[in-house]
Amino acid sequence: MKNSKWKCLLGSAFFLIMTFIFVAPSAAIIVTTTKVTFTEEEPVVVEYSGLPGNNQDWITIVPKGTAADKWGEWFYTKGKQSGRRNFGALSPGDYEVRAYVNWPKGGFVIQARSSFSVVLQHSTPSDVLTTDKQTYAVGEDIVLIYENMPGNAQDWITVVKAGSSAEEWGEWFYTKGKRTGKKIYSNMKAGDYEARAYFNWPAGGYKIMHRHRFAVR
């Protein structure tokens, strides 16, 4: 009798262990945009995957820094675990697309997010700022090229980690009235970066007028 009980207990334990081992892990929830920069007249294209498949999983776009319990244009995924959605055009600024699950039970817990920007129609990233390469090796000099700046003495350019707020800056310089020029950045660590142009400090404030992304690998 005792042997039978032990066999039963061992069998149950073995079943639980094997179930734990072989249950496939849940896929990571991913929500992103098809580009990191859109113009003000473009629809914003969002792609998502790894959602649990609840009828009221939902996705929204908000200005970057918005509280988790606020929303902009949004939609229910209606049970779809992956897909694509076109959002309406947005005014220039920095934004975030966010994924939530199983409303209302899931509450305002952000499950995934991704940042992107909207710029003026005539101010695409290549108009003013560019680099001589898109991807650099660690230790390689980055050549930043600027063109068509407005020519104010205190127009300025900085390089920051991608996703930084508009008020953050890294190594920076005033263009001192020059409309065109170059700047070499050295010894940058691996990462994703963004060059940003601001006009006429301090009157122009922290409004990003142009931007260009590059990477160090």
Protein backbone atom coordinates (compact mmCIF):
# COMPACT_ATOMS: atom_id res chain seq x y z
CA MET A 1 0.00 0.00 0.00
CA LYS A 2 2.81 2.37 0.96
CA ASN A 3 4.63 1.59 -2.30
CA SER A 4 1.49 2.38 -4.27
CA LYS A 5 1.15 5.76 -2.53
CA TRP A 6 4.80 6.61 -3.21
CA LYS A 7 4.44 5.62 -6.84
CA CYS A 8 1.36 7.79 -7.15
CA LEU A 9 3.11 10.77 -5.53
CA LEU A 10 6.22 10.33 -7.67
CA GLY A 11 4.13 10.04 -10.78
CA SER A 12 2.25 13.26 -9.96
CA ALA A 13 5.50 15.10 -9.24
CA PHE A 14 7.01 13.88 -12.49
CA PHE A 15 3.95 15.06 -14.42
CA LEU A 16 4.10 18.52 -12.83
CA ILE A 17 7.83 18.85 -13.53
CA MET A 18 7.48 17.80 -17.17
CA THR A 19 4.52 20.13 -17.63
CA PHE A 20 6.59 23.03 -16.25
CA ILE A 21 9.51 22.18 -18.52
CA PHE A 22 7.57 21.77 -21.75
CA VAL A 23 5.05 24.62 -21.51
CA ALA A 24 6.12 27.05 -24.22
CA PRO A 25 7.03 30.50 -22.91
CA SER A 26 4.74 33.36 -23.88
CA ALA A 27 5.92 35.46 -26.80
CA ALA A 28 7.10 38.94 -25.90
CA ILE A 29 4.60 41.67 -26.70
CA ILE A 30 5.98 44.04 -29.31
CA VAL A 31 4.47 47.25 -30.64
CA THR A 32 6.37 49.52 -32.99
CA THR A 33 6.05 51.86 -35.96
CA THR A 34 7.28 51.15 -39.47
CA LYS A 35 9.52 54.27 -39.31
CA VAL A 36 11.10 56.28 -36.51
CA THR A 37 10.16 59.58 -38.18
CA PHE A 38 6.98 60.55 -40.05
CA THR A 39 6.00 63.86 -41.63
CA GLU A 40 2.96 65.73 -40.37
CA GLU A 41 0.81 64.68 -43.33
CA GLU A 42 1.60 60.95 -43.20
CA PRO A 43 -0.50 58.28 -41.53
CA VAL A 44 1.43 56.58 -38.72
CA VAL A 45 1.72 52.84 -39.40
CA VAL A 46 1.82 50.64 -36.29
CA GLU A 47 2.76 46.95 -36.20
CA TYR A 48 2.17 44.66 -33.22
CA SER A 49 2.83 41.03 -32.29
CA GLY A 50 2.84 38.72 -29.26
CA LEU A 51 -0.44 39.96 -27.81
CA PRO A 52 -2.35 37.36 -25.75
CA GLY A 53 -5.37 37.42 -28.03
CA ASN A 54 -8.00 38.95 -25.77
CA ASN A 55 -10.89 40.67 -27.51
CA GLN A 56 -10.11 43.92 -25.67
CA ASP A 57 -6.34 44.10 -25.91
CA TRP A 58 -5.78 47.65 -27.17
CA ILE A 59 -3.19 50.02 -28.63
CA THR A 60 -2.96 53.80 -28.49
CA ILE A 61 -0.66 56.67 -29.52
CA VAL A 62 0.10 59.51 -27.11
CA PRO A 63 2.65 62.34 -26.84
CA LYS A 64 5.83 61.07 -25.22
CA GLY A 65 5.74 61.45 -21.44
CA THR A 66 1.95 61.11 -21.17
CA ALA A 67 0.69 59.31 -18.05
CA ALA A 68 -0.15 55.61 -18.42
CA ASP A 69 -3.87 56.22 -17.80
CA LYS A 70 -4.23 58.68 -20.70
CA TRP A 71 -4.84 57.79 -24.33
CA GLY A 72 -5.07 59.30 -27.79
CA GLU A 73 -6.37 57.59 -30.93
CA TRP A 74 -6.78 53.92 -30.03
CA PHE A 75 -8.28 50.61 -31.15
CA TYR A 76 -9.15 47.15 -29.83
CA THR A 77 -7.22 44.33 -31.51
CA LYS A 78 -10.38 42.13 -31.29
CA GLY A 79 -8.52 38.92 -30.51
CA LYS A 80 -5.73 39.36 -33.03
CA GLN A 81 -2.28 38.56 -31.67
CA SER A 82 -0.43 40.37 -34.43
CA GLY A 83 -1.26 42.85 -37.14
CA ARG A 84 -0.89 46.33 -38.56
CA ARG A 85 -2.94 49.51 -38.16
CA ASN A 86 -2.83 52.95 -39.78
CA PHE A 87 -3.30 55.86 -37.39
CA GLY A 88 -4.18 59.36 -38.54
CA ALA A 89 -1.55 62.02 -39.25
CA LEU A 90 -0.17 63.86 -36.23
CA SER A 91 1.23 67.33 -35.59
CA PRO A 92 5.03 67.60 -35.18
CA GLY A 93 6.38 66.25 -31.90
CA ASP A 94 7.65 63.19 -30.05
CA TYR A 95 5.19 60.35 -29.54
CA GLU A 96 4.86 56.87 -28.10
CA VAL A 97 2.74 53.93 -29.24
CA ARG A 98 1.61 51.73 -26.33
CA ALA A 99 0.03 48.31 -25.96
CA TYR A 100 -2.35 47.32 -23.14
CA VAL A 101 -4.06 43.98 -22.57
CA ASN A 102 -7.50 42.70 -21.60
CA TRP A 103 -9.42 45.89 -20.78
CA PRO A 104 -10.77 46.56 -18.16
CA LYS A 105 -9.17 43.75 -16.15
CA GLY A 106 -5.67 44.60 -17.36
CA GLY A 107 -6.04 48.23 -16.31
CA PHE A 108 -3.57 50.87 -17.45
CA VAL A 109 -0.45 48.70 -17.24
CA ILE A 110 1.68 49.43 -20.31
CA GLN A 111 2.79 46.06 -21.71
CA ALA A 112 4.95 47.37 -24.56
CA ARG A 113 5.88 50.75 -26.03
CA SER A 114 7.93 52.34 -28.79
CA SER A 115 8.91 55.94 -29.52
CA PHE A 116 8.73 57.85 -32.81
CA SER A 117 8.66 61.44 -34.03
CA VAL A 118 6.63 63.58 -36.41
CA VAL A 119 8.32 66.46 -38.26
CA LEU A 120 7.17 69.25 -40.54
CA GLN A 121 6.43 68.26 -44.13
CA HIS A 122 9.35 70.34 -45.42
CA SER A 123 11.68 69.25 -42.61
CA THR A 124 12.47 65.62 -43.27
CA PRO A 125 15.60 64.41 -41.44
CA SER A 126 17.77 64.51 -44.57
CA ASP A 127 16.96 68.20 -45.33
CA VAL A 128 19.32 69.60 -42.71
CA LEU A 129 21.16 66.88 -40.78
CA THR A 130 22.92 63.77 -42.01
CA THR A 131 26.00 61.67 -41.30
CA ASP A 132 28.52 60.31 -43.77
CA LYS A 133 27.44 56.77 -42.79
CA GLN A 134 24.38 55.28 -41.16
CA THR A 135 26.26 52.78 -38.99
CA TYR A 136 29.71 53.17 -37.42
CA ALA A 137 32.12 50.87 -35.63
CA VAL A 138 33.05 51.65 -32.02
CA GLY A 139 35.99 54.07 -32.08
CA GLU A 140 35.22 55.36 -35.56
CA ASP A 141 34.81 59.12 -36.08
CA ILE A 142 31.26 60.25 -36.84
CA VAL A 143 31.04 63.02 -39.44
CA LEU A 144 27.91 65.09 -38.90
CA ILE A 145 26.91 67.31 -41.82
CA TYR A 146 24.43 70.17 -41.58
CA GLU A 147 22.91 72.21 -44.41
CA ASN A 148 20.21 74.86 -44.87
CA MET A 149 20.28 76.07 -41.26
CA PRO A 150 18.55 79.47 -40.85
CA GLY A 151 21.79 81.29 -39.97
CA ASN A 152 21.14 82.51 -36.44
CA ALA A 153 24.22 82.93 -34.24
CA GLN A 154 22.77 80.57 -31.64
CA ASP A 155 21.28 77.84 -33.78
CA TRP A 156 22.69 74.71 -32.19
CA ILE A 157 23.13 71.00 -32.78
CA THR A 158 23.54 68.14 -30.33
CA VAL A 159 23.83 64.35 -30.40
CA VAL A 160 21.87 62.31 -27.86
CA LYS A 161 20.84 58.71 -27.25
CA ALA A 162 17.81 57.85 -29.40
CA GLY A 163 14.62 58.28 -27.39
CA SER A 164 15.95 61.12 -25.21
CA SER A 165 13.52 63.92 -24.39
CA ALA A 166 13.69 67.18 -26.31
CA GLU A 167 15.20 68.95 -23.26
CA GLU A 168 18.18 66.57 -23.03
CA TRP A 169 21.47 67.22 -24.79
CA GLY A 170 24.84 65.57 -25.23
CA GLU A 171 27.91 67.06 -26.87
CA TRP A 172 26.66 70.19 -28.63
CA PHE A 173 27.79 73.30 -30.50
CA TYR A 174 26.48 76.63 -31.80
CA THR A 175 26.63 76.99 -35.58
CA LYS A 176 27.55 80.70 -35.08
CA GLY A 177 25.56 81.91 -38.06
CA LYS A 178 26.80 79.23 -40.46
CA ARG A 179 24.15 77.62 -42.64
CA THR A 180 26.35 74.72 -43.73
CA GLY A 181 29.17 72.86 -42.06
CA LYS A 182 30.55 69.69 -40.51
CA LYS A 183 31.30 68.44 -37.01
CA ILE A 184 33.30 65.35 -36.04
CA TYR A 185 32.27 63.35 -33.00
CA SER A 186 34.79 60.88 -31.57
CA ASN A 187 34.93 58.00 -29.08
CA MET A 188 31.21 57.31 -29.00
CA LYS A 189 30.05 54.14 -27.25
CA ALA A 190 27.91 51.50 -28.92
CA GLY A 191 24.26 52.50 -29.17
CA ASP A 192 21.54 54.20 -31.19
CA TYR A 193 21.89 57.96 -31.48
CA GLU A 194 20.07 60.98 -32.83
CA ALA A 195 21.52 64.27 -34.05
CA ARG A 196 19.14 67.17 -33.40
CA ALA A 197 19.04 70.76 -34.66
CA TYR A 198 17.50 73.58 -32.63
CA PHE A 199 17.05 77.17 -33.83
CA ASN A 200 17.84 80.52 -32.25
CA TRP A 201 18.49 79.76 -28.57
CA PRO A 202 16.94 80.79 -26.21
CA ALA A 203 13.98 82.17 -28.18
CA GLY A 204 13.56 78.88 -30.04
CA GLY A 205 13.49 76.84 -26.84
CA TYR A 206 13.74 73.06 -26.99
CA LYS A 207 11.71 72.59 -30.15
CA ILE A 208 13.50 70.01 -32.29
CA MET A 209 13.52 71.38 -35.82
CA HIS A 210 15.42 68.59 -37.56
CA ARG A 211 16.78 65.21 -36.57
CA HIS A 212 18.82 62.34 -37.97
CA ARG A 213 19.42 58.87 -36.51
CA PHE A 214 22.56 56.76 -36.73
CA ALA A 215 24.08 53.84 -34.85
CA VAL A 216 27.41 52.76 -33.37
CA ARG A 217 27.91 49.00 -33.27
